[in-house]
Amino acid sequence: MAQTTTKLDVNSREAAGSRAARRLRRSGRVPGVLYGGGGDSVGFDADARELRLALAASGAVLDLSVDGGKATPVVLKEAQRHPVRGETVHVDLLRVRLDEAIHALVPLELTGVDDAPGVKEGGVLEQITRELNVEALPTDIPESIVYDIGEMQIGDTVLLSAIAAPSGLTLLDEIEETVVATLSPPKLQAEVAEEIEAETELVGEGEEAEEGAADEEAPTEGSSDEE
């Protein structure tokens, strides 16, 4: 659980638009927006390295100081990342009160994968749900929720109802309907491969048919459209 907060100092910013954001990123800064909590939205930029370290160490809550002002508790609402490099290119931070519960997304981490009998037998593990919707006080929101699947057998399906919520935290997803993970027999992989191969053959036949029709419609050499 995140029982402590991490300090992050940022600078307010007036410039907007993609050009200004690119200049900030080239200088090692990450643009962001602070909003919520009954206050005005504030644009800011943070040192990329300090932001990365603060988000990694904070758990759920950051103490955000804008231009050296009084620190405000905030949580990360959304982080946009570069599609190739994976680095953070923009963040949205939300003001919170530490005595009021909030909704948040928490990563779901599966452990014991290599120990699961079904995996050892060659079964195909698929994690269907990777994030959980939760409600809790900001300081009670964990960095992740961990579930051990070390006993899964081939053919097993884990529902959210199997996961015990940490103290002080409420799971908001449908616990009897949300599928967390499945462990399928190895033969299903071969069946999928066969289906893909069959679909590829159908596509190839369709392309050949289109090419044949195009050849029939094409004018013969020496023919003319003029009468």
C-alpha atoms as a PDB file:
ATOM      1  CA  MET A   1       0.000   0.000   0.000  1.00  0.00           C
ATOM      2  CA  ALA A   2       1.039   3.578  -0.603  1.00  0.00           C
ATOM      3  CA  GLN A   3       1.256   5.049   2.889  1.00  0.00           C
ATOM      4  CA  THR A   4       3.682   7.863   2.072  1.00  0.00           C
ATOM      5  CA  THR A   5       3.740  10.537  -0.596  1.00  0.00           C
ATOM      6  CA  THR A   6       6.522  11.706  -2.879  1.00  0.00           C
ATOM      7  CA  LYS A   7       7.299  15.344  -3.582  1.00  0.00           C
ATOM      8  CA  LEU A   8       7.367  16.626  -7.147  1.00  0.00           C
ATOM      9  CA  ASP A   9       8.230  20.205  -8.114  1.00  0.00           C
ATOM     10  CA  VAL A  10       6.950  21.515 -11.441  1.00  0.00           C
ATOM     11  CA  ASN A  11       6.815  24.807 -13.322  1.00  0.00           C
ATOM     12  CA  SER A  12       3.610  26.401 -14.541  1.00  0.00           C
ATOM     13  CA  ARG A  13       3.444  27.013 -18.273  1.00  0.00           C
ATOM     14  CA  GLU A  14       1.429  29.319 -20.481  1.00  0.00           C
ATOM     15  CA  ALA A  15       2.421  28.055 -23.928  1.00  0.00           C
ATOM     16  CA  ALA A  16       0.121  25.496 -25.511  1.00  0.00           C
ATOM     17  CA  GLY A  17       0.019  23.490 -28.680  1.00  0.00           C
ATOM     18  CA  SER A  18       2.057  20.670 -30.153  1.00  0.00           C
ATOM     19  CA  ARG A  19       4.981  22.896 -31.175  1.00  0.00           C
ATOM     20  CA  ALA A  20       5.498  24.170 -27.626  1.00  0.00           C
ATOM     21  CA  ALA A  21       5.142  20.624 -26.268  1.00  0.00           C
ATOM     22  CA  ARG A  22       7.826  19.359 -28.651  1.00  0.00           C
ATOM     23  CA  ARG A  23      10.202  22.093 -27.523  1.00  0.00           C
ATOM     24  CA  LEU A  24       9.640  21.094 -23.905  1.00  0.00           C
ATOM     25  CA  ARG A  25      10.334  17.433 -24.620  1.00  0.00           C
ATOM     26  CA  ARG A  26      13.523  18.264 -26.501  1.00  0.00           C
ATOM     27  CA  SER A  27      14.731  20.131 -23.422  1.00  0.00           C
ATOM     28  CA  GLY A  28      14.040  17.153 -21.130  1.00  0.00           C
ATOM     29  CA  ARG A  29      10.698  18.379 -19.782  1.00  0.00           C
ATOM     30  CA  VAL A  30       7.287  16.678 -19.838  1.00  0.00           C
ATOM     31  CA  PRO A  31       4.137  18.810 -20.246  1.00  0.00           C
ATOM     32  CA  GLY A  32       1.074  18.126 -18.137  1.00  0.00           C
ATOM     33  CA  VAL A  33      -2.206  19.449 -16.780  1.00  0.00           C
ATOM     34  CA  LEU A  34      -3.415  19.629 -13.171  1.00  0.00           C
ATOM     35  CA  TYR A  35      -7.166  19.755 -12.627  1.00  0.00           C
ATOM     36  CA  GLY A  36     -10.035  18.747 -10.344  1.00  0.00           C
ATOM     37  CA  GLY A  37     -10.592  19.364  -6.659  1.00  0.00           C
ATOM     38  CA  GLY A  38     -12.654  22.472  -7.295  1.00  0.00           C
ATOM     39  CA  GLY A  39      -9.641  24.414  -8.586  1.00  0.00           C
ATOM     40  CA  ASP A  40      -8.734  25.808 -11.981  1.00  0.00           C
ATOM     41  CA  SER A  41      -6.839  23.725 -14.499  1.00  0.00           C
ATOM     42  CA  VAL A  42      -3.126  24.510 -14.464  1.00  0.00           C
ATOM     43  CA  GLY A  43      -0.683  23.688 -17.235  1.00  0.00           C
ATOM     44  CA  PHE A  44       2.784  22.677 -16.058  1.00  0.00           C
ATOM     45  CA  ASP A  45       5.987  20.998 -17.116  1.00  0.00           C
ATOM     46  CA  ALA A  46       8.158  18.641 -15.092  1.00  0.00           C
ATOM     47  CA  ASP A  47      11.692  17.384 -15.397  1.00  0.00           C
ATOM     48  CA  ALA A  48      11.388  14.052 -17.240  1.00  0.00           C
ATOM     49  CA  ARG A  49      13.748  12.178 -14.912  1.00  0.00           C
ATOM     50  CA  GLU A  50      12.231  13.571 -11.710  1.00  0.00           C
ATOM     51  CA  LEU A  51       8.733  12.760 -12.959  1.00  0.00           C
ATOM     52  CA  ARG A  52       9.711   9.194 -13.817  1.00  0.00           C
ATOM     53  CA  LEU A  53      11.301   8.621 -10.401  1.00  0.00           C
ATOM     54  CA  ALA A  54       8.392  10.247  -8.548  1.00  0.00           C
ATOM     55  CA  LEU A  55       5.771   8.135 -10.315  1.00  0.00           C
ATOM     56  CA  ALA A  56       7.781   4.971  -9.698  1.00  0.00           C
ATOM     57  CA  ALA A  57       8.215   5.711  -5.985  1.00  0.00           C
ATOM     58  CA  SER A  58       4.928   7.328  -5.067  1.00  0.00           C
ATOM     59  CA  GLY A  59       2.454   4.481  -5.241  1.00  0.00           C
ATOM     60  CA  ALA A  60      -0.733   6.454  -5.743  1.00  0.00           C
ATOM     61  CA  VAL A  61      -0.194   9.920  -4.263  1.00  0.00           C
ATOM     62  CA  LEU A  62       2.172  12.742  -5.175  1.00  0.00           C
ATOM     63  CA  ASP A  63       2.728  15.985  -3.277  1.00  0.00           C
ATOM     64  CA  LEU A  64       2.784  18.432  -6.178  1.00  0.00           C
ATOM     65  CA  SER A  65       4.312  21.893  -5.815  1.00  0.00           C
ATOM     66  CA  VAL A  66       3.797  24.362  -8.673  1.00  0.00           C
ATOM     67  CA  ASP A  67       6.400  27.147  -8.899  1.00  0.00           C
ATOM     68  CA  GLY A  68       7.537  26.449  -5.350  1.00  0.00           C
ATOM     69  CA  GLY A  69       4.062  26.911  -3.866  1.00  0.00           C
ATOM     70  CA  LYS A  70       2.264  24.877  -1.235  1.00  0.00           C
ATOM     71  CA  ALA A  71       2.231  21.165  -2.012  1.00  0.00           C
ATOM     72  CA  THR A  72      -1.084  19.633  -3.086  1.00  0.00           C
ATOM     73  CA  PRO A  73      -1.870  15.898  -2.975  1.00  0.00           C
ATOM     74  CA  VAL A  74      -2.526  14.594  -6.481  1.00  0.00           C
ATOM     75  CA  VAL A  75      -2.847  11.257  -8.259  1.00  0.00           C
ATOM     76  CA  LEU A  76      -1.906  10.317 -11.780  1.00  0.00           C
ATOM     77  CA  LYS A  77      -5.048  10.302 -13.897  1.00  0.00           C
ATOM     78  CA  GLU A  78      -3.479   9.498 -17.265  1.00  0.00           C
ATOM     79  CA  ALA A  79      -0.025   9.205 -18.799  1.00  0.00           C
ATOM     80  CA  GLN A  80       0.535   9.305 -22.539  1.00  0.00           C
ATOM     81  CA  ARG A  81       3.594   7.425 -23.760  1.00  0.00           C
ATOM     82  CA  HIS A  82       5.630   7.467 -26.950  1.00  0.00           C
ATOM     83  CA  PRO A  83       4.466   4.501 -29.082  1.00  0.00           C
ATOM     84  CA  VAL A  84       8.030   3.399 -29.894  1.00  0.00           C
ATOM     85  CA  ARG A  85      10.336   4.592 -27.111  1.00  0.00           C
ATOM     86  CA  GLY A  86       7.789   4.150 -24.316  1.00  0.00           C
ATOM     87  CA  GLU A  87       8.774   7.390 -22.573  1.00  0.00           C
ATOM     88  CA  THR A  88       6.126   9.606 -20.987  1.00  0.00           C
ATOM     89  CA  VAL A  89       5.170  12.513 -23.256  1.00  0.00           C
ATOM     90  CA  HIS A  90       2.239  14.003 -21.287  1.00  0.00           C
ATOM     91  CA  VAL A  91       0.570  13.547 -17.892  1.00  0.00           C
ATOM     92  CA  ASP A  92      -2.769  14.492 -16.390  1.00  0.00           C
ATOM     93  CA  LEU A  93      -2.765  14.901 -12.601  1.00  0.00           C
ATOM     94  CA  LEU A  94      -5.875  15.095 -10.433  1.00  0.00           C
ATOM     95  CA  ARG A  95      -6.157  16.968  -7.124  1.00  0.00           C
ATOM     96  CA  VAL A  96      -7.484  14.768  -4.320  1.00  0.00           C
ATOM     97  CA  ARG A  97      -8.354  14.891  -0.654  1.00  0.00           C
ATOM     98  CA  LEU A  98      -6.654  12.259   1.425  1.00  0.00           C
ATOM     99  CA  ASP A  99      -9.826  11.688   3.470  1.00  0.00           C
ATOM    100  CA  GLU A 100     -12.102  11.067   0.464  1.00  0.00           C
ATOM    101  CA  ALA A 101     -12.268   7.843  -1.548  1.00  0.00           C
ATOM    102  CA  ILE A 102     -11.549   8.037  -5.270  1.00  0.00           C
ATOM    103  CA  HIS A 103     -11.886   5.724  -8.256  1.00  0.00           C
ATOM    104  CA  ALA A 104      -8.674   4.492  -9.850  1.00  0.00           C
ATOM    105  CA  LEU A 105      -7.238   1.857 -12.178  1.00  0.00           C
ATOM    106  CA  VAL A 106      -4.758  -0.531 -10.567  1.00  0.00           C
ATOM    107  CA  PRO A 107      -2.570  -2.964 -12.551  1.00  0.00           C
ATOM    108  CA  LEU A 108      -3.249  -6.657 -11.952  1.00  0.00           C
ATOM    109  CA  GLU A 109      -0.078  -8.750 -11.687  1.00  0.00           C
ATOM    110  CA  LEU A 110      -0.123 -12.532 -12.012  1.00  0.00           C
ATOM    111  CA  THR A 111       2.583 -14.495 -10.202  1.00  0.00           C
ATOM    112  CA  GLY A 112       3.479 -18.178 -10.060  1.00  0.00           C
ATOM    113  CA  VAL A 113       3.117 -18.551 -13.828  1.00  0.00           C
ATOM    114  CA  ASP A 114       6.121 -20.861 -14.202  1.00  0.00           C
ATOM    115  CA  ASP A 115       4.922 -23.023 -11.296  1.00  0.00           C
ATOM    116  CA  ALA A 116       1.424 -23.621 -12.651  1.00  0.00           C
ATOM    117  CA  PRO A 117       0.983 -27.320 -13.565  1.00  0.00           C
ATOM    118  CA  GLY A 118      -0.985 -26.396 -16.674  1.00  0.00           C
ATOM    119  CA  VAL A 119       1.806 -24.136 -17.920  1.00  0.00           C
ATOM    120  CA  LYS A 120       4.392 -26.859 -17.294  1.00  0.00           C
ATOM    121  CA  GLU A 121       2.288 -29.197 -19.414  1.00  0.00           C
ATOM    122  CA  GLY A 122       2.380 -26.757 -22.309  1.00  0.00           C
ATOM    123  CA  GLY A 123      -0.932 -25.006 -21.724  1.00  0.00           C
ATOM    124  CA  VAL A 124      -1.489 -21.525 -23.112  1.00  0.00           C
ATOM    125  CA  LEU A 125      -1.986 -18.882 -20.422  1.00  0.00           C
ATOM    126  CA  GLU A 126      -3.863 -15.743 -21.409  1.00  0.00           C
ATOM    127  CA  GLN A 127      -4.333 -12.827 -19.030  1.00  0.00           C
ATOM    128  CA  ILE A 128      -7.660 -11.289 -20.021  1.00  0.00           C
ATOM    129  CA  THR A 129      -7.848  -8.529 -17.399  1.00  0.00           C
ATOM    130  CA  ARG A 130      -4.757  -6.409 -16.755  1.00  0.00           C
ATOM    131  CA  GLU A 131      -6.266  -3.486 -14.827  1.00  0.00           C
ATOM    132  CA  LEU A 132      -8.911  -3.338 -12.116  1.00  0.00           C
ATOM    133  CA  ASN A 133     -11.309  -0.521 -11.314  1.00  0.00           C
ATOM    134  CA  VAL A 134     -11.135   0.200  -7.596  1.00  0.00           C
ATOM    135  CA  GLU A 135     -12.402   2.649  -4.994  1.00  0.00           C
ATOM    136  CA  ALA A 136     -10.314   3.600  -1.964  1.00  0.00           C
ATOM    137  CA  LEU A 137      -8.706   6.465  -0.104  1.00  0.00           C
ATOM    138  CA  PRO A 138      -5.770   7.797  -2.132  1.00  0.00           C
ATOM    139  CA  THR A 139      -3.244   6.502   0.396  1.00  0.00           C
ATOM    140  CA  ASP A 140      -4.846   3.037   0.345  1.00  0.00           C
ATOM    141  CA  ILE A 141      -4.473   2.503  -3.401  1.00  0.00           C
ATOM    142  CA  PRO A 142      -1.722  -0.055  -4.062  1.00  0.00           C
ATOM    143  CA  GLU A 143       0.783   0.126  -6.894  1.00  0.00           C
ATOM    144  CA  SER A 144      -0.603  -3.204  -8.104  1.00  0.00           C
ATOM    145  CA  ILE A 145      -2.824  -6.091  -7.039  1.00  0.00           C
ATOM    146  CA  VAL A 146      -1.040  -9.447  -7.085  1.00  0.00           C
ATOM    147  CA  TYR A 147      -2.683 -12.820  -7.636  1.00  0.00           C
ATOM    148  CA  ASP A 148      -0.902 -16.184  -7.542  1.00  0.00           C
ATOM    149  CA  ILE A 149      -1.935 -18.598 -10.311  1.00  0.00           C
ATOM    150  CA  GLY A 150       0.602 -21.257  -9.303  1.00  0.00           C
ATOM    151  CA  GLU A 151      -2.132 -23.923  -8.987  1.00  0.00           C
ATOM    152  CA  MET A 152      -3.830 -23.413 -12.365  1.00  0.00           C
ATOM    153  CA  GLN A 153      -4.514 -26.505 -14.435  1.00  0.00           C
ATOM    154  CA  ILE A 154      -5.239 -26.762 -18.139  1.00  0.00           C
ATOM    155  CA  GLY A 155      -8.856 -25.800 -18.708  1.00  0.00           C
ATOM    156  CA  ASP A 156      -9.040 -23.534 -15.649  1.00  0.00           C
ATOM    157  CA  THR A 157     -10.558 -20.057 -15.781  1.00  0.00           C
ATOM    158  CA  VAL A 158      -9.935 -17.511 -13.034  1.00  0.00           C
ATOM    159  CA  LEU A 159     -12.712 -15.025 -12.320  1.00  0.00           C
ATOM    160  CA  LEU A 160     -12.336 -11.781 -10.423  1.00  0.00           C
ATOM    161  CA  SER A 161     -14.316 -13.360  -7.568  1.00  0.00           C
ATOM    162  CA  ALA A 162     -11.197 -15.418  -6.764  1.00  0.00           C
ATOM    163  CA  ILE A 163      -9.190 -12.285  -5.925  1.00  0.00           C
ATOM    164  CA  ALA A 164      -9.450 -10.894  -2.402  1.00  0.00           C
ATOM    165  CA  ALA A 165      -9.410  -7.103  -2.345  1.00  0.00           C
ATOM    166  CA  PRO A 166      -6.784  -5.555  -0.030  1.00  0.00           C
ATOM    167  CA  SER A 167      -8.078  -3.961   3.163  1.00  0.00           C
ATOM    168  CA  GLY A 168      -9.745  -0.603   2.572  1.00  0.00           C
ATOM    169  CA  LEU A 169     -10.183  -1.186  -1.149  1.00  0.00           C
ATOM    170  CA  THR A 170     -13.363  -2.020  -3.087  1.00  0.00           C
ATOM    171  CA  LEU A 171     -13.325  -3.753  -6.479  1.00  0.00           C
ATOM    172  CA  LEU A 172     -15.801  -2.074  -8.823  1.00  0.00           C
ATOM    173  CA  ASP A 173     -15.795  -4.590 -11.689  1.00  0.00           C
ATOM    174  CA  GLU A 174     -18.348  -7.424 -11.846  1.00  0.00           C
ATOM    175  CA  ILE A 175     -16.587 -10.056  -9.754  1.00  0.00           C
ATOM    176  CA  GLU A 176     -18.685 -12.996 -11.020  1.00  0.00           C
ATOM    177  CA  GLU A 177     -18.399 -12.039 -14.705  1.00  0.00           C
ATOM    178  CA  THR A 178     -14.934 -10.538 -15.142  1.00  0.00           C
ATOM    179  CA  VAL A 179     -12.489 -13.141 -16.474  1.00  0.00           C
ATOM    180  CA  VAL A 180      -8.954 -12.626 -15.166  1.00  0.00           C
ATOM    181  CA  ALA A 181      -7.084 -15.437 -16.912  1.00  0.00           C
ATOM    182  CA  THR A 182      -7.566 -18.679 -18.835  1.00  0.00           C
ATOM    183  CA  LEU A 183      -5.295 -21.679 -19.322  1.00  0.00           C
ATOM    184  CA  SER A 184      -6.086 -23.443 -22.587  1.00  0.00           C
ATOM    185  CA  PRO A 185      -4.860 -26.803 -23.938  1.00  0.00           C
ATOM    186  CA  PRO A 186      -1.879 -26.727 -26.300  1.00  0.00           C
ATOM    187  CA  LYS A 187      -4.018 -28.095 -29.150  1.00  0.00           C
ATOM    188  CA  LEU A 188      -5.919 -24.799 -29.296  1.00  0.00           C
ATOM    189  CA  GLN A 189      -2.790 -23.128 -30.619  1.00  0.00           C
ATOM    190  CA  ALA A 190      -2.682 -25.612 -33.518  1.00  0.00           C
ATOM    191  CA  GLU A 191      -6.352 -25.003 -34.203  1.00  0.00           C
ATOM    192  CA  VAL A 192      -5.760 -21.263 -34.328  1.00  0.00           C
ATOM    193  CA  ALA A 193      -2.841 -21.789 -36.709  1.00  0.00           C
ATOM    194  CA  GLU A 194      -5.062 -23.929 -38.952  1.00  0.00           C
ATOM    195  CA  GLU A 195      -7.753 -21.251 -38.951  1.00  0.00           C
ATOM    196  CA  ILE A 196      -5.230 -18.588 -39.888  1.00  0.00           C
ATOM    197  CA  GLU A 197      -3.885 -20.800 -42.682  1.00  0.00           C
ATOM    198  CA  ALA A 198      -7.420 -21.435 -43.980  1.00  0.00           C
ATOM    199  CA  GLU A 199      -8.212 -17.727 -43.930  1.00  0.00           C
ATOM    200  CA  THR A 200      -4.970 -16.995 -45.768  1.00  0.00           C
ATOM    201  CA  GLU A 201      -5.903 -19.515 -48.479  1.00  0.00           C
ATOM    202  CA  LEU A 202      -9.353 -17.940 -48.882  1.00  0.00           C
ATOM    203  CA  VAL A 203      -7.797 -14.497 -49.220  1.00  0.00           C
ATOM    204  CA  GLY A 204      -5.375 -15.857 -51.815  1.00  0.00           C
ATOM    205  CA  GLU A 205      -8.199 -17.448 -53.799  1.00  0.00           C
ATOM    206  CA  GLY A 206     -10.130 -14.190 -53.684  1.00  0.00           C
ATOM    207  CA  GLU A 207      -7.147 -12.243 -54.984  1.00  0.00           C
ATOM    208  CA  GLU A 208      -6.656 -14.753 -57.807  1.00  0.00           C
ATOM    209  CA  ALA A 209     -10.324 -14.433 -58.756  1.00  0.00           C
ATOM    210  CA  GLU A 210     -10.049 -10.637 -58.810  1.00  0.00           C
ATOM    211  CA  GLU A 211      -6.933 -10.827 -60.944  1.00  0.00           C
ATOM    212  CA  GLY A 212      -8.691 -13.199 -63.376  1.00  0.00           C
ATOM    213  CA  ALA A 213     -11.669 -10.868 -63.652  1.00  0.00           C
ATOM    214  CA  ALA A 214      -9.353  -7.932 -64.241  1.00  0.00           C
ATOM    215  CA  ASP A 215      -7.567  -9.853 -67.018  1.00  0.00           C
ATOM    216  CA  GLU A 216     -10.902 -10.599 -68.710  1.00  0.00           C
ATOM    217  CA  GLU A 217     -11.936  -6.934 -68.593  1.00  0.00           C
ATOM    218  CA  ALA A 218      -8.600  -5.635 -69.826  1.00  0.00           C
ATOM    219  CA  PRO A 219      -8.624  -4.670 -73.547  1.00  0.00           C
ATOM    220  CA  THR A 220      -6.595  -6.888 -75.898  1.00  0.00           C
ATOM    221  CA  GLU A 221      -3.520  -5.533 -77.602  1.00  0.00           C
ATOM    222  CA  GLY A 222      -4.375  -3.402 -80.594  1.00  0.00           C
ATOM    223  CA  SER A 223      -7.961  -2.793 -79.574  1.00  0.00           C
ATOM    224  CA  SER A 224      -9.281   0.751 -79.319  1.00  0.00           C
ATOM    225  CA  ASP A 225     -12.057   2.445 -77.358  1.00  0.00           C
ATOM    226  CA  GLU A 226     -12.635   4.785 -80.248  1.00  0.00           C
ATOM    227  CA  GLU A 227     -15.248   3.866 -82.819  1.00  0.00           C
END
